[in-house]
Amino acid sequence: MAQPKIIDIEQVLRNKMGGKARFVPRFLINYLKRIIHQEWLNEFILREGETEGVRWMEDCMQYLRLNIEVHGLEKLPSDADGRCFTFVSNHPIGGPDGIVLGAVLGRHYEGRIRFLANDLLMNLTGLAPLFIPINKTGRNGRDFPRMVDTAFRGDHHIILFPAGLCSRQIDGRIQDVAWKKTFVSKSIETQRDVIPIHFSGRNSAFFYRLANLSKWLGIKFNIAMLYLVDELYKKQGHTFVIHIGCPIPWQSFTAEKTPAQWAAAVRQQVYDLPQPSSAAPL
């Protein structure tokens, strides 16, 4: 097992920015440490020690005192025959949704899961075994298609948030931006059925105002992402509800629609999922 690596925002900046990191002012570094709750994160990381994977996520749920209700567990298909599936979900929060889905699906499928996720998350040693780091910018950008293809052709279930970033306030509603088509085309190529999931929740009004202001100003950097740990910190003790939909056979994605149109159709199906039904508290 890998030794736990504590979060050091200064080292993260050096890794991402190289020599330019020295120009980041000290007051900004201290502010970043505060909004990512560096000491609070490191307390958990050090307590976990060499714990990794699904167990790490389950322990994280306990550390955050998260409560969940799961509707539709009986719809999860069996993988006893070796099949692999693609799980797609809306991404309302950007923290608890990934942790909780990883814990629920990881427990159900005995750890046979992998996430496609931002490479920044690789700084969390306990998560690293479950994550396939994706970075579409910089020198890693050219490897993006190959890494995605390798992941889908592997022997793990893939968990994806096809929006690529957490939900925004759009037309007065908290919802994902348009879903990317990758999960459709790759699920067809690798004959993976797709399981839609809806995750309840929302971030603070400040988060959405900041995201919309950044978009209005034309700022390409995802500034709101810097506050996701702060949003996670505020979710301690909250209850979240998950709705699991029926598997969508990969053969359903016919030439009748383009992959982008199928992605939009599955996105709509996810938002249609929350309906009153019996729930299994975990």
Protein backbone atom coordinates (compact mmCIF):
# COMPACT_ATOMS: atom_id res chain seq x y z
CA MET A 1 0.00 0.00 0.00
CA ALA A 2 1.06 3.60 -0.64
CA GLN A 3 2.00 5.74 2.33
CA PRO A 4 -0.58 8.45 3.01
CA LYS A 5 0.33 11.76 1.45
CA ILE A 6 -0.99 14.85 3.20
CA ILE A 7 -2.38 17.76 1.23
CA ASP A 8 0.16 20.54 0.73
CA ILE A 9 -1.34 23.33 -1.37
CA GLU A 10 2.09 24.80 -2.06
CA GLN A 11 3.32 21.49 -3.47
CA VAL A 12 0.14 21.11 -5.54
CA LEU A 13 0.76 24.56 -7.06
CA ARG A 14 4.36 23.64 -7.85
CA ASN A 15 3.24 20.41 -9.51
CA LYS A 16 0.63 22.19 -11.63
CA MET A 17 2.46 25.46 -12.36
CA GLY A 18 6.12 24.54 -12.23
CA GLY A 19 8.45 27.51 -11.75
CA LYS A 20 5.54 29.97 -12.07
CA ALA A 21 4.29 28.87 -8.64
CA ARG A 22 6.84 31.14 -6.96
CA PHE A 23 4.91 34.16 -8.23
CA VAL A 24 1.75 33.19 -6.32
CA PRO A 25 1.52 35.66 -3.41
CA ARG A 26 1.67 34.32 0.15
CA PHE A 27 -1.72 35.78 1.11
CA LEU A 28 -3.33 33.85 -1.76
CA ILE A 29 -1.65 30.59 -0.71
CA ASN A 30 -2.90 31.07 2.86
CA TYR A 31 -6.39 31.81 1.53
CA LEU A 32 -6.34 28.64 -0.56
CA LYS A 33 -5.27 26.61 2.47
CA ARG A 34 -8.22 28.03 4.35
CA ILE A 35 -10.90 27.42 1.72
CA ILE A 36 -9.74 23.86 1.05
CA HIS A 37 -9.63 23.24 4.83
CA GLN A 38 -6.14 21.79 4.53
CA GLU A 39 -5.74 20.92 8.23
CA TRP A 40 -9.19 19.29 8.36
CA LEU A 41 -8.44 17.18 5.28
CA ASN A 42 -5.04 16.15 6.60
CA GLU A 43 -6.54 15.11 9.94
CA PHE A 44 -8.65 12.54 8.09
CA ILE A 45 -5.83 11.46 5.77
CA LEU A 46 -3.45 10.84 8.66
CA ARG A 47 -6.12 8.99 10.63
CA GLU A 48 -6.77 6.67 7.68
CA GLY A 49 -3.10 5.83 7.26
CA GLU A 50 -2.67 3.26 4.49
CA THR A 51 -6.40 2.65 3.98
CA GLU A 52 -7.32 2.82 0.29
CA GLY A 53 -10.16 2.43 -2.15
CA VAL A 54 -13.76 1.71 -1.21
CA ARG A 55 -12.95 1.40 2.48
CA TRP A 56 -11.44 4.90 2.35
CA MET A 57 -14.68 6.24 0.84
CA GLU A 58 -16.81 4.49 3.45
CA ASP A 59 -14.64 5.92 6.23
CA CYS A 60 -14.89 9.34 4.62
CA MET A 61 -18.69 9.09 4.73
CA GLN A 62 -18.47 8.36 8.46
CA TYR A 63 -16.02 11.23 9.00
CA LEU A 64 -18.50 13.56 7.26
CA ARG A 65 -21.47 11.95 9.07
CA LEU A 66 -23.28 11.57 5.76
CA ASN A 67 -26.63 9.78 5.70
CA ILE A 68 -28.01 8.30 2.48
CA GLU A 69 -31.16 6.72 1.15
CA VAL A 70 -30.87 4.50 -1.91
CA HIS A 71 -33.83 3.79 -4.17
CA GLY A 72 -33.54 1.03 -6.76
CA LEU A 73 -30.70 -1.13 -5.43
CA GLU A 74 -32.57 -4.10 -6.87
CA LYS A 75 -32.04 -2.64 -10.35
CA LEU A 76 -28.27 -3.00 -10.18
CA PRO A 77 -27.35 -5.79 -12.63
CA SER A 78 -25.21 -8.74 -11.61
CA ASP A 79 -21.65 -8.91 -12.85
CA ALA A 80 -21.24 -12.57 -11.94
CA ASP A 81 -20.75 -13.35 -15.63
CA GLY A 82 -17.85 -10.89 -15.85
CA ARG A 83 -19.75 -8.12 -17.60
CA CYS A 84 -18.76 -4.50 -17.05
CA PHE A 85 -21.13 -1.54 -16.83
CA THR A 86 -21.04 2.22 -17.22
CA PHE A 87 -22.67 4.17 -14.38
CA VAL A 88 -23.62 7.75 -15.22
CA SER A 89 -24.94 10.34 -12.79
CA ASN A 90 -25.73 13.99 -12.53
CA HIS A 91 -23.09 15.88 -10.56
CA PRO A 92 -24.91 18.32 -8.25
CA ILE A 93 -22.27 18.87 -5.58
CA GLY A 94 -18.80 17.86 -6.74
CA GLY A 95 -17.71 16.02 -3.61
CA PRO A 96 -20.22 13.94 -1.65
CA ASP A 97 -21.78 12.59 -4.85
CA GLY A 98 -18.50 10.98 -5.89
CA ILE A 99 -17.70 9.70 -2.40
CA VAL A 100 -21.15 8.24 -1.81
CA LEU A 101 -21.54 6.62 -5.23
CA GLY A 102 -18.08 5.14 -4.92
CA ALA A 103 -18.94 3.69 -1.51
CA VAL A 104 -22.35 2.31 -2.57
CA LEU A 105 -21.30 0.85 -5.92
CA GLY A 106 -17.90 -0.20 -4.63
CA ARG A 107 -19.48 -2.15 -1.79
CA HIS A 108 -22.04 -3.75 -4.12
CA TYR A 109 -19.45 -4.79 -6.71
CA GLU A 110 -16.71 -5.67 -4.22
CA GLY A 111 -14.37 -2.90 -5.27
CA ARG A 112 -14.61 -3.57 -9.00
CA ILE A 113 -15.07 0.12 -9.87
CA ARG A 114 -13.06 2.92 -11.41
CA PHE A 115 -13.73 6.64 -11.80
CA LEU A 116 -12.64 8.85 -14.64
CA ALA A 117 -11.79 12.04 -12.78
CA ASN A 118 -9.71 15.20 -12.63
CA ASP A 119 -6.06 14.41 -12.01
CA LEU A 120 -6.02 16.78 -9.00
CA LEU A 121 -7.82 14.05 -7.05
CA MET A 122 -4.72 11.88 -7.34
CA ASN A 123 -3.32 14.03 -4.53
CA LEU A 124 -5.62 12.03 -2.22
CA THR A 125 -3.60 8.84 -1.82
CA GLY A 126 -6.53 6.84 -0.46
CA LEU A 127 -8.55 7.51 -3.61
CA ALA A 128 -5.77 6.95 -6.12
CA PRO A 129 -6.37 3.19 -6.67
CA LEU A 130 -9.95 3.89 -7.79
CA PHE A 131 -9.25 6.84 -10.05
CA ILE A 132 -8.06 7.07 -13.63
CA PRO A 133 -6.65 10.60 -13.83
CA ILE A 134 -7.94 12.67 -16.69
CA ASN A 135 -6.38 15.96 -17.73
CA LYS A 136 -7.38 17.30 -21.15
CA THR A 137 -4.99 20.24 -20.97
CA GLY A 138 -1.24 20.62 -21.08
CA ARG A 139 1.13 17.82 -21.95
CA ASN A 140 -1.35 15.16 -20.79
CA GLY A 141 -4.03 16.30 -23.23
CA ARG A 142 -2.83 14.10 -26.07
CA ASP A 143 -3.10 11.02 -23.83
CA PHE A 144 -6.74 11.71 -22.97
CA PRO A 145 -8.39 9.58 -25.72
CA ARG A 146 -6.02 6.68 -25.07
CA MET A 147 -6.61 6.74 -21.30
CA VAL A 148 -10.38 6.79 -21.75
CA ASP A 149 -10.24 3.93 -24.23
CA THR A 150 -8.02 1.87 -21.92
CA ALA A 151 -10.41 2.45 -19.02
CA PHE A 152 -13.46 1.29 -20.96
CA ARG A 153 -11.65 -1.77 -22.28
CA GLY A 154 -10.57 -2.76 -18.77
CA ASP A 155 -12.34 -5.14 -16.40
CA HIS A 156 -13.79 -2.60 -13.98
CA HIS A 157 -17.14 -0.83 -13.90
CA ILE A 158 -16.77 2.82 -14.89
CA ILE A 159 -18.43 5.60 -12.88
CA LEU A 160 -18.82 8.83 -14.82
CA PHE A 161 -20.22 12.32 -14.36
CA PRO A 162 -20.71 13.07 -18.09
CA ALA A 163 -21.17 16.81 -17.52
CA GLY A 164 -17.47 17.01 -16.71
CA LEU A 165 -18.07 19.52 -13.91
CA CYS A 166 -20.58 19.89 -11.10
CA SER A 167 -24.02 21.37 -11.70
CA ARG A 168 -24.68 25.05 -12.32
CA GLN A 169 -27.71 27.28 -11.94
CA ILE A 170 -29.20 27.27 -15.42
CA ASP A 171 -32.60 28.78 -16.26
CA GLY A 172 -33.35 29.07 -12.56
CA ARG A 173 -32.67 25.39 -11.86
CA ILE A 174 -29.69 23.54 -10.43
CA GLN A 175 -28.74 21.18 -13.24
CA ASP A 176 -25.83 19.77 -15.21
CA VAL A 177 -24.49 21.41 -18.32
CA ALA A 178 -24.89 19.33 -21.48
CA TRP A 179 -23.51 15.82 -21.08
CA LYS A 180 -20.55 14.76 -23.18
CA LYS A 181 -21.13 11.87 -25.57
CA THR A 182 -18.05 9.83 -24.61
CA PHE A 183 -19.93 7.42 -22.33
CA VAL A 184 -22.32 6.54 -25.17
CA SER A 185 -19.75 5.93 -27.89
CA LYS A 186 -17.39 4.02 -25.59
CA SER A 187 -20.17 1.93 -24.07
CA ILE A 188 -21.21 0.90 -27.58
CA GLU A 189 -17.63 0.05 -28.56
CA THR A 190 -17.04 -2.04 -25.43
CA GLN A 191 -20.60 -3.44 -25.15
CA ARG A 192 -21.30 -2.01 -21.71
CA ASP A 193 -24.87 -1.47 -20.55
CA VAL A 194 -25.43 1.98 -19.05
CA ILE A 195 -27.02 2.46 -15.61
CA PRO A 196 -28.46 5.94 -14.98
CA ILE A 197 -28.33 7.40 -11.46
CA HIS A 198 -29.80 10.56 -9.96
CA PHE A 199 -28.12 12.12 -6.92
CA SER A 200 -29.92 14.74 -4.84
CA GLY A 201 -28.30 17.87 -3.48
CA ARG A 202 -27.05 21.36 -4.24
CA ASN A 203 -24.24 23.72 -3.33
CA SER A 204 -24.49 27.15 -1.75
CA ALA A 205 -25.92 30.22 -3.48
CA PHE A 206 -22.41 31.73 -3.33
CA PHE A 207 -21.01 28.84 -5.38
CA TYR A 208 -23.53 29.32 -8.18
CA ARG A 209 -23.17 33.09 -8.20
CA LEU A 210 -19.39 32.72 -8.49
CA ALA A 211 -19.68 30.15 -11.29
CA ASN A 212 -22.10 32.33 -13.26
CA LEU A 213 -20.03 35.46 -12.69
CA SER A 214 -16.92 33.70 -13.96
CA LYS A 215 -18.80 32.58 -17.06
CA TRP A 216 -20.16 36.10 -17.63
CA LEU A 217 -16.65 37.54 -17.34
CA GLY A 218 -15.34 34.96 -19.79
CA ILE A 219 -12.87 33.45 -17.31
CA LYS A 220 -11.84 30.05 -18.65
CA PHE A 221 -10.38 28.75 -15.39
CA ASN A 222 -12.97 26.98 -13.24
CA ILE A 223 -12.71 29.28 -10.20
CA ALA A 224 -15.75 27.72 -8.53
CA MET A 225 -13.86 24.40 -8.37
CA LEU A 226 -11.56 25.92 -5.73
CA TYR A 227 -14.52 26.08 -3.35
CA LEU A 228 -15.67 22.47 -3.71
CA VAL A 229 -13.88 21.32 -0.55
CA ASP A 230 -15.49 24.20 1.33
CA GLU A 231 -18.87 23.03 -0.01
CA LEU A 232 -17.99 19.50 1.12
CA TYR A 233 -17.10 20.81 4.57
CA LYS A 234 -20.54 22.42 4.84
CA LYS A 235 -22.30 19.16 3.94
CA GLN A 236 -21.29 17.40 7.17
CA GLY A 237 -24.30 15.64 8.71
CA HIS A 238 -26.48 16.01 5.59
CA THR A 239 -28.73 13.34 4.10
CA PHE A 240 -28.62 12.56 0.38
CA VAL A 241 -30.99 10.52 -1.77
CA ILE A 242 -29.91 8.31 -4.67
CA HIS A 243 -32.24 6.94 -7.34
CA ILE A 244 -30.93 4.10 -9.52
CA GLY A 245 -32.59 3.56 -12.88
CA CYS A 246 -33.02 0.45 -14.99
CA PRO A 247 -30.00 -0.60 -17.07
CA ILE A 248 -29.99 0.69 -20.63
CA PRO A 249 -28.72 -2.02 -23.00
CA TRP A 250 -25.86 -0.76 -25.13
CA GLN A 251 -27.74 -2.02 -28.19
CA SER A 252 -30.38 0.67 -27.48
CA PHE A 253 -28.01 3.36 -28.72
CA THR A 254 -28.91 2.92 -32.38
CA ALA A 255 -28.09 5.09 -35.39
CA GLU A 256 -31.51 6.69 -34.93
CA LYS A 257 -29.73 9.34 -32.85
CA THR A 258 -26.20 10.64 -32.74
CA PRO A 259 -24.12 9.83 -29.63
CA ALA A 260 -24.60 13.44 -28.50
CA GLN A 261 -28.38 13.10 -28.83
CA TRP A 262 -28.32 9.82 -26.92
CA ALA A 263 -26.26 11.48 -24.17
CA ALA A 264 -28.90 14.22 -23.91
CA ALA A 265 -31.65 11.59 -23.77
CA VAL A 266 -29.93 9.69 -20.94
CA ARG A 267 -29.36 12.98 -19.09
CA GLN A 268 -33.09 13.67 -19.28
CA GLN A 269 -33.83 10.14 -18.09
CA VAL A 270 -31.64 10.76 -15.04
CA TYR A 271 -33.58 13.90 -14.14
CA ASP A 272 -36.84 11.98 -14.56
CA LEU A 273 -35.73 9.31 -12.07
CA PRO A 274 -36.66 10.77 -8.65
CA GLN A 275 -40.07 9.25 -7.91
CA PRO A 276 -41.61 8.17 -4.59
CA SER A 277 -40.67 4.56 -3.87
CA SER A 278 -39.27 2.40 -1.11
CA ALA A 279 -35.76 3.29 -0.05
CA ALA A 280 -32.93 1.33 1.51
CA PRO A 281 -31.12 3.42 4.15
CA LEU A 282 -27.41 2.68 4.42
